[in-house]
């Protein structure tokens, strides 16, 4: 199954009369999937499905049970993840525009709306990541990320963005540049998430290696810190606190 065929299957499924009115369409799904894949931590398929299916969500939904739909979803996810990982992500092909265009297409607005919905799934993870980056002297990353979200929100509801803009014509004239900025911002977000995930896994591996390499100490043995206390009355509690459940 090729990507175009996979997207057609998902699009037909999501636009079926059987779907609830708050179910996402294909463009919104692709946007939400992009945001979910750009998370520093692995997301559960069911979490994204709750956003996609809305009130229609249930564990035995055809979204999970239909083999053709499931295969199509896997292909879309793998292809999108590969495009992001290999820096081949580009919205121009699916959402082409002319140099003279001064507003987003309906389809692109839906993609941006979907990305924002997907981001809500990952917002708490990102906040923790930004707190960590701030301690590393990289506090500007959150400001840059917020800039991306602001652009996405403008594209998702263009009329509101024009009404709120101090200079609506300037905003309209800058549509093409805004689209390019969104593409770059999505790429940077994915790359940052990949680095954060790599750092988290490395820290976890080092922590587990340290635990394995530390000689076993009896609870009633003298604490190795030299305090003279028994281990159970001294550093054992610190060791327990440092091991995540």
Foldseek 3Di string as FASTA:
>chain_A
DDLVVLLVVQQCVQPPPVADPQAAHSLLLLLLLLLQLLALDHDDPLVSVCNRRPPNDDPCDCCPVVPSNVVSVVNSNVVSNVCLVVVNDDDCVVFPDDLLFQAGDQSLLSSLVSNVSNNVSRVVRVVVVLVVVVVVVNNCVVVLLVVLNVLSVCNNPVVVVLVPDPDSVVNSNCPVVSNVSNRVSSSVSSVVSPVSNVVVVVVVVVVVVVVVPDDDFDQQPQCPVPPRHGNVVPCVVVVVVPDDD
